[in-house]
Protein backbone atom coordinates (compact mmCIF):
# COMPACT_ATOMS: atom_id res chain seq x y z
CA MET A 1 102.06 94.10 60.30
CA SER A 2 105.76 92.73 61.04
CA GLY A 3 106.97 94.38 57.95
CA LEU A 4 105.40 97.71 59.18
CA VAL A 5 107.31 96.79 62.37
CA ARG A 6 110.81 96.36 60.79
CA ALA A 7 110.40 99.16 58.58
CA GLU A 8 109.35 101.51 61.62
CA TRP A 9 112.58 100.31 63.53
CA MET A 10 114.78 101.02 60.61
CA ARG A 11 113.40 104.62 60.60
CA LEU A 12 113.52 105.32 63.99
CA SER A 13 116.92 103.75 64.47
CA ARG A 14 118.16 106.51 62.02
CA ARG A 15 116.41 109.48 63.84
CA GLY A 16 119.41 111.30 65.85
CA ASP A 17 116.71 113.18 67.85
CA LEU A 18 115.94 109.83 69.71
CA TRP A 19 119.52 109.80 71.04
CA ILE A 20 119.49 113.48 72.19
CA VAL A 21 116.45 112.98 74.25
CA VAL A 22 117.69 110.11 75.89
CA LEU A 23 121.08 111.92 76.66
CA ALA A 24 118.71 114.65 77.80
CA VAL A 25 116.81 112.54 80.22
CA VAL A 26 119.77 111.37 81.54
CA ALA A 27 121.44 114.96 82.05
CA LEU A 28 118.53 116.55 83.46
CA ASN A 29 117.57 113.78 86.08
CA VAL A 30 121.11 113.67 87.36
CA VAL A 31 121.45 117.24 87.54
CA GLY A 32 118.11 117.43 89.32
CA TYR A 33 118.95 114.69 91.59
CA ILE A 34 122.26 116.42 92.70
CA GLY A 35 120.64 119.74 93.11
CA GLY A 36 117.77 118.77 95.40
CA LEU A 37 119.99 116.34 97.28
CA SER A 38 122.42 119.42 97.82
CA SER A 39 119.49 121.68 98.62
CA THR A 40 118.63 119.57 101.52
CA GLN A 41 122.51 118.88 102.85
CA ASN A 42 123.11 122.76 103.05
CA VAL A 43 120.28 123.71 105.60
CA GLN A 44 121.37 126.41 107.63
CA PHE A 45 119.57 126.45 111.29
CA GLY A 46 118.86 130.09 111.77
CA PRO A 47 121.03 133.16 111.69
CA PRO A 48 124.90 132.52 112.30
CA GLY A 49 126.03 133.12 115.86
CA GLU A 50 122.50 133.22 117.43
CA PRO A 51 121.59 130.58 120.04
CA ILE A 52 118.60 128.22 119.29
CA PRO A 53 116.52 126.64 121.90
CA PRO A 54 117.14 122.82 121.94
CA GLU A 55 113.82 121.81 121.19
CA ILE A 56 113.70 123.79 118.27
CA LEU A 57 116.84 122.72 116.67
CA GLU A 58 115.78 119.26 117.36
CA GLN A 59 112.73 119.81 115.52
CA TRP A 60 114.69 121.49 112.43
CA GLU A 61 117.14 118.66 112.25
CA ALA A 62 114.06 116.17 112.24
CA GLN A 63 112.62 118.05 109.35
CA ALA A 64 116.31 118.09 107.58
CA ARG A 65 116.63 114.03 108.05
CA GLU A 66 112.90 113.64 106.61
CA GLN A 67 114.08 115.68 103.63
CA LEU A 68 117.18 113.97 102.95
CA ALA A 69 115.30 110.45 103.56
CA GLN A 70 113.12 111.47 100.16
CA TYR A 71 116.37 111.44 98.12
CA ALA A 72 117.22 107.58 99.88
CA PHE A 73 116.46 104.35 97.87
CA PRO A 74 113.53 103.48 97.19
CA ASN A 75 112.11 107.01 98.09
CA SER A 76 113.94 108.28 95.46
CA ILE A 77 111.97 106.61 92.93
CA ARG A 78 108.88 108.66 93.85
CA ILE A 79 110.95 111.95 93.75
CA GLY A 80 112.35 111.05 90.51
CA LEU A 81 109.04 110.01 88.87
CA GLU A 82 107.31 113.06 90.18
CA GLY A 83 110.17 115.31 88.33
CA GLY A 84 111.28 113.49 85.54
CA ARG A 85 107.62 112.11 84.26
CA VAL A 86 106.84 115.78 83.31
CA LEU A 87 110.16 115.61 80.99
CA VAL A 88 109.37 112.34 79.44
CA PHE A 89 105.69 113.67 78.73
CA ALA A 90 107.03 116.75 76.93
CA ILE A 91 109.37 114.72 74.81
CA VAL A 92 106.89 111.92 73.80
CA ALA A 93 104.53 114.51 72.77
CA TYR A 94 107.24 116.10 70.63
CA LEU A 95 108.22 112.53 69.15
CA ALA A 96 104.77 111.72 68.36
CA ALA A 97 104.30 114.99 66.50
CA ALA A 98 107.50 114.86 64.82
CA PHE A 99 107.31 111.13 63.75
CA THR A 100 104.33 111.39 61.94
CA GLY A 101 104.79 115.44 61.08
CA ALA A 102 107.83 114.39 59.16
CA ASP A 103 106.27 112.21 56.41
CA PHE A 104 103.69 115.12 56.10
CA ASP A 105 106.47 117.43 55.55
CA TYR A 106 108.74 115.38 53.25
CA GLY A 107 105.48 114.12 51.22
CA THR A 108 106.69 110.45 52.32
CA ILE A 109 103.44 109.59 53.77
CA ARG A 110 102.12 108.89 50.60
CA THR A 111 104.84 106.48 49.64
CA SER A 112 104.61 104.52 52.90
CA LEU A 113 100.90 104.30 52.38
CA VAL A 114 101.12 102.87 48.78
CA ALA A 115 103.72 100.45 49.78
CA ARG A 116 102.02 99.19 52.50
CA GLY A 117 98.50 99.62 51.92
CA ASP A 118 97.40 99.04 55.51
CA ARG A 119 96.62 102.51 56.81
CA ARG A 120 95.37 101.21 60.21
CA GLY A 121 98.50 99.01 60.95
CA PHE A 122 100.62 102.12 59.84
CA VAL A 123 99.26 104.34 62.73
CA LEU A 124 99.04 101.49 65.21
CA VAL A 125 102.57 100.71 64.50
CA ARG A 126 103.55 104.39 64.82
CA LEU A 127 101.61 105.01 67.85
CA ALA A 128 103.14 101.58 69.67
CA ALA A 129 106.79 102.66 68.78
CA THR A 130 106.48 106.24 70.14
CA PHE A 131 105.04 104.29 73.31
CA VAL A 132 107.94 102.13 73.42
CA ALA A 133 110.14 105.17 73.51
CA ALA A 134 108.01 106.36 76.43
CA VAL A 135 108.43 103.32 78.17
CA VAL A 136 112.47 103.42 77.75
CA LEU A 137 112.55 107.06 78.93
CA ILE A 138 110.44 106.37 81.99
CA ALA A 139 112.46 103.08 82.65
CA ILE A 140 115.80 105.27 82.60
CA VAL A 141 114.09 107.72 84.92
CA VAL A 142 113.44 104.85 87.43
CA LEU A 143 116.86 103.23 86.89
CA LEU A 144 118.72 106.69 87.56
CA SER A 145 116.24 107.22 90.81
CA ALA A 146 117.69 103.72 92.02
CA ILE A 147 121.26 104.39 91.19
CA LEU A 148 121.90 107.97 92.20
CA PRO A 149 121.30 107.19 95.80
CA LEU A 150 123.86 104.39 96.08
CA ILE A 151 126.36 106.69 94.58
CA ALA A 152 125.73 109.48 96.71
CA ALA A 153 125.73 107.14 99.75
CA ALA A 154 129.27 105.73 98.48
CA LEU A 155 130.53 109.40 98.36
CA GLY A 156 129.54 109.96 102.04
CA THR A 157 126.20 110.94 102.09
CA ASP A 158 124.69 109.60 105.33
CA PHE A 159 120.91 108.55 104.42
CA PRO A 160 118.71 108.05 107.34
CA PRO A 161 117.12 104.53 107.01
CA VAL A 162 113.67 104.64 105.14
CA GLU A 163 110.92 102.24 104.14
CA GLY A 164 109.87 103.44 100.77
CA PRO A 165 106.79 103.05 98.80
CA SER A 166 105.42 99.67 98.77
CA PRO A 167 105.16 97.49 95.34
CA VAL A 168 101.71 98.59 94.70
CA ALA A 169 102.60 102.12 95.13
CA PHE A 170 105.37 101.90 92.71
CA ALA A 171 103.25 100.02 90.32
CA GLY A 172 100.42 102.58 90.82
CA MET A 173 102.79 105.58 90.12
CA LEU A 174 104.45 103.87 87.16
CA GLY A 175 100.97 102.94 85.74
CA SER A 176 99.78 106.51 86.07
CA ALA A 177 103.15 107.85 84.46
CA LEU A 178 102.53 105.42 81.47
CA ALA A 179 98.89 106.00 81.05
CA THR A 180 99.66 109.86 80.82
CA ALA A 181 102.39 109.23 78.18
CA ALA A 182 100.25 106.98 76.16
CA PHE A 183 97.46 109.61 75.89
CA LEU A 184 99.38 112.42 75.08
CA ILE A 185 101.05 110.17 72.09
CA GLY A 186 97.52 109.46 70.95
CA LEU A 187 96.44 113.18 71.30
CA THR A 188 99.53 114.76 69.71
CA THR A 189 99.30 112.19 66.73
CA LEU A 190 95.61 112.98 66.18
CA LEU A 191 96.27 116.27 66.19
CA THR A 192 99.39 115.66 63.85
CA LEU A 193 96.97 113.82 61.43
CA LEU A 194 94.51 116.45 61.45
CA PHE A 195 96.41 119.54 60.66
CA ARG A 196 99.35 117.49 58.80
CA ASN A 197 102.05 119.98 60.92
CA ALA A 198 104.03 119.02 63.76
CA ALA A 199 104.23 122.33 65.13
CA VAL A 200 100.51 123.06 65.31
CA ALA A 201 100.04 119.82 67.06
CA ILE A 202 102.52 120.17 69.59
CA VAL A 203 101.29 123.88 70.25
CA LEU A 204 97.87 122.65 70.83
CA THR A 205 98.86 119.76 72.68
CA VAL A 206 100.53 122.17 75.33
CA VAL A 207 97.40 124.42 75.32
CA TYR A 208 95.25 121.41 75.98
CA ALA A 209 97.22 120.26 78.83
CA PHE A 210 97.16 123.85 80.44
CA ALA A 211 93.10 123.94 79.74
CA ASP A 212 92.82 120.45 81.49
CA SER A 213 94.26 121.76 84.58
CA ALA A 214 92.37 125.19 84.30
CA ILE A 215 89.24 123.24 84.02
CA ALA A 216 89.81 120.92 87.14
CA GLY A 217 90.55 124.09 89.05
CA LEU A 218 87.28 126.02 87.93
CA ILE A 219 85.44 122.39 89.10
CA VAL A 220 87.05 122.68 92.10
CA GLN A 221 86.01 126.10 92.80
CA VAL A 222 82.50 125.43 92.01
CA ALA A 223 82.05 121.88 93.21
CA GLY A 224 84.64 121.56 96.13
CA GLU A 225 87.68 119.55 96.42
CA ASP A 226 85.57 116.15 96.37
CA ALA A 227 84.41 117.04 93.00
CA ALA A 228 84.28 113.56 91.11
CA LEU A 229 83.86 115.32 88.10
CA ARG A 230 87.40 116.40 87.53
CA TRP A 231 88.29 112.53 87.48
CA ALA A 232 87.02 112.43 83.67
CA LEU A 233 89.90 114.93 82.66
CA PRO A 234 92.50 112.89 81.56
CA ILE A 235 95.61 114.50 82.62
CA VAL A 236 94.06 115.50 85.87
CA ASN A 237 93.03 112.10 86.40
CA ALA A 238 96.33 110.61 85.92
CA GLN A 239 97.79 113.13 88.46
CA LEU A 240 95.32 111.95 90.89
CA LEU A 241 96.17 108.61 90.40
CA PHE A 242 99.71 109.54 91.13
CA ASP A 243 98.90 111.42 94.12
CA ARG A 244 97.10 108.52 95.47
CA ALA A 245 99.74 106.07 94.68
CA ALA A 246 102.57 108.11 96.08
CA GLY A 247 100.42 108.85 99.27
CA ALA A 248 100.19 112.28 98.64
CA SER A 249 96.55 112.28 100.03
CA LEU A 250 95.58 115.20 97.44
CA ALA A 251 93.21 113.30 95.68
CA PRO A 252 89.47 112.98 96.64
CA GLU A 253 87.72 109.67 97.68
CA TRP A 254 86.83 108.20 94.09
CA PRO A 255 86.93 104.44 92.94
CA THR A 256 90.32 103.80 91.85
CA LEU A 257 89.30 100.83 89.44
CA VAL A 258 86.82 103.39 88.00
CA ALA A 259 89.76 106.16 87.86
CA VAL A 260 91.87 103.75 86.02
CA ALA A 261 89.42 102.36 83.60
CA MET A 262 88.75 106.12 82.75
CA ALA A 263 92.51 106.55 82.19
CA ILE A 264 92.47 103.54 79.96
CA GLY A 265 89.55 104.43 78.02
CA TRP A 266 91.11 108.00 77.12
CA VAL A 267 94.23 106.31 75.52
CA VAL A 268 91.75 104.02 73.52
CA VAL A 269 89.59 106.91 72.50
CA THR A 270 92.92 108.93 71.15
CA TRP A 271 94.41 106.14 69.70
CA GLY A 272 91.33 105.22 67.86
CA LEU A 273 90.53 108.44 66.52
CA SER A 274 94.16 108.76 65.14
CA VAL A 275 93.55 105.27 63.13
CA ARG A 276 90.17 106.36 62.12
CA THR A 277 91.59 109.55 60.81
CA LEU A 278 94.48 108.55 58.68
CA ALA A 279 92.01 105.41 57.53
CA ARG A 280 89.89 108.13 56.21
CA ALA A 281 92.37 110.57 55.11
CA ASP A 282 92.48 112.12 51.59
CA ILE A 283 95.86 111.05 50.64
CA HIS A 284 96.83 109.64 47.40
CA ALA A 285 99.64 108.68 45.63
């Protein structure tokens, strides 16, 4: 297994697209934070020249301070994860398909399997390597969300005092993001192994993501907001867990531990099917 890990590290360290996606995550999160912060600071209270009742003006100013507080540390971590994790999900789905799809495109999958002989270990190392990339990208999002408010404050932004999410809430949001990333890695890798084509796998993963949300919407229409069935959908389940951890109060009542176990179960299923698929694949030297 150690040989597989070293080989995977050498292979990934030479991929230029990894550095591109890291720069993309940094740039887009910085732009997103600056844009959101600027929009809250440039609020105009009514048409110019028209008098505003003091009580209405006070209410608007309070709302503006509340919006500005969302971009202050540590609230900024929640804002950063809400937007940044979606970009990370798209990137890790691409990486999962690209890493394995390239082996089929260039025919190196046969050489790799013959050289190592451990098909299960080959897939597990590939899945783990992609998940490590997801962890790094999410860590970058969290780090930027912590640093950017400090820079903004140093440049003159007067943030109101905030309490921010509790450590438990932060752990819940972070765990939800990591569980979703792990599921998408497993799903995209599985589809890549089945169809042996990265582009097809990415398209099907996107289609599934939309279908997951659409099915959840149908469940709500038929059974109502409190329908527990939608927690069985992996992506919606992770979103509901994130909303609950963030205090958005969008999730129906449901035992949290059961929902967490369900999220982990989907990861185990997709990763296990990926290992099984390559172990039984008809690939010969």
